[in-house]
């Protein structure tokens, strides 16, 4: 009987002993580890807060160095006896005004995560002293250069659609000579040129004698509907005629201009780096910024990609056509450094809409464009190098 009782008790006794051991272990741990006080919690929070504040300060310091001191060790350009008379003989110090034409990329939409146009930091024309921009590089050699955008603007708040192919430009004292308008297509740029023509004298520019640098980056909004048969104006052969007319208008209306004609990045790279993230897939569907990328399947993306290749080929030929005119006061340089770019990762795209360039991208673009501006056509880079450094000017703009 005693043996039977002992046998029946074994499972229950084993469980009791196990529970007892857990309670004993917990009691020992409670005695060994004192409770976390509110003071310790606050101390840990403050330590974490201090760490991230330090990170932000260091990042800001790095940005200052990147933005304003990249050319600090470069020698000054050769002294001039008289101002240059030919557009093929321009040093950065000869540029009096920096201008920009384009769409939301030129306006700087969503660069810093927020739904605003960060014009002051745009690669081509931002005047924020701590930003890495072409304007700041030019300002290093000519402190009196004008045209740089100084403030952010709300999308389409700096420009109002007035009538077909014309925009009424507002916020002029914020954007200065950054005439880029979000959602603009090539045909809309005529209105932007009219704005520059009217604004240049207000910036203190001598229209007849001062040399001006213009960056024209247009085509993304045209390309994003090029796969749809109803958009005949966006077909490459029709689109390039519009761009040619834009250049002719600049030549007729604004004397003494060196034009950077920007090659188009392969927009399908956006889809490649975004396809693994649920947020980007969701937000791009809501923004609906590029139908050929997101709403026409692989066929739409294939058409988009092939159209980009054609756009770039035609722009290179167009630049050669204008160069062959051998004009003294007007030059068009095709800058192809984005044309074969492979995105290194999601960090080059806006955290807001996963489509527009991020602030990091604009830094790459500024440095890449600057280096390209001093190289002959055969040596100009065609892709982004994340390890690139800003080169000292090696001669005239080209």
Foldseek 3Di string as FASTA:
>chain_A
DVVVVVVVCVVVVVVVVVVVVVVVVVVVVPVVDDDQDPVNVVVVVVVVVVVVVVVVVVVLVVLQCLQAPQCVPFDADDDDPDQDQFQQFDDLQQAQEEAEEEALLCQCALQPVDRWRAQLQFADAHVPSSHNHPNSVSCVRHVNHDQHADGIGHACPQWDDDDPLAIDGHPCVRRRRSLYHHLDALSNRVNSLVVNLVRQVVRVDDQAPGAYEYEYDHQQNLLLCCLPPVSPCSQQVNVLVSVLVVQVSCPVRGWQYEYEHEQDALQLLLCVQPVVDPVLLVLCVVVVRRCLNNPPPPSSSVSSRVRSVSNRVSLCVSQVVQVVVVDRRYHYDYQQQRHPERDPHQQQARPNNSRHGHSLVSNQVNQLRQVQQQDPPVPRHRYGDSPDGRDHRPGRGD
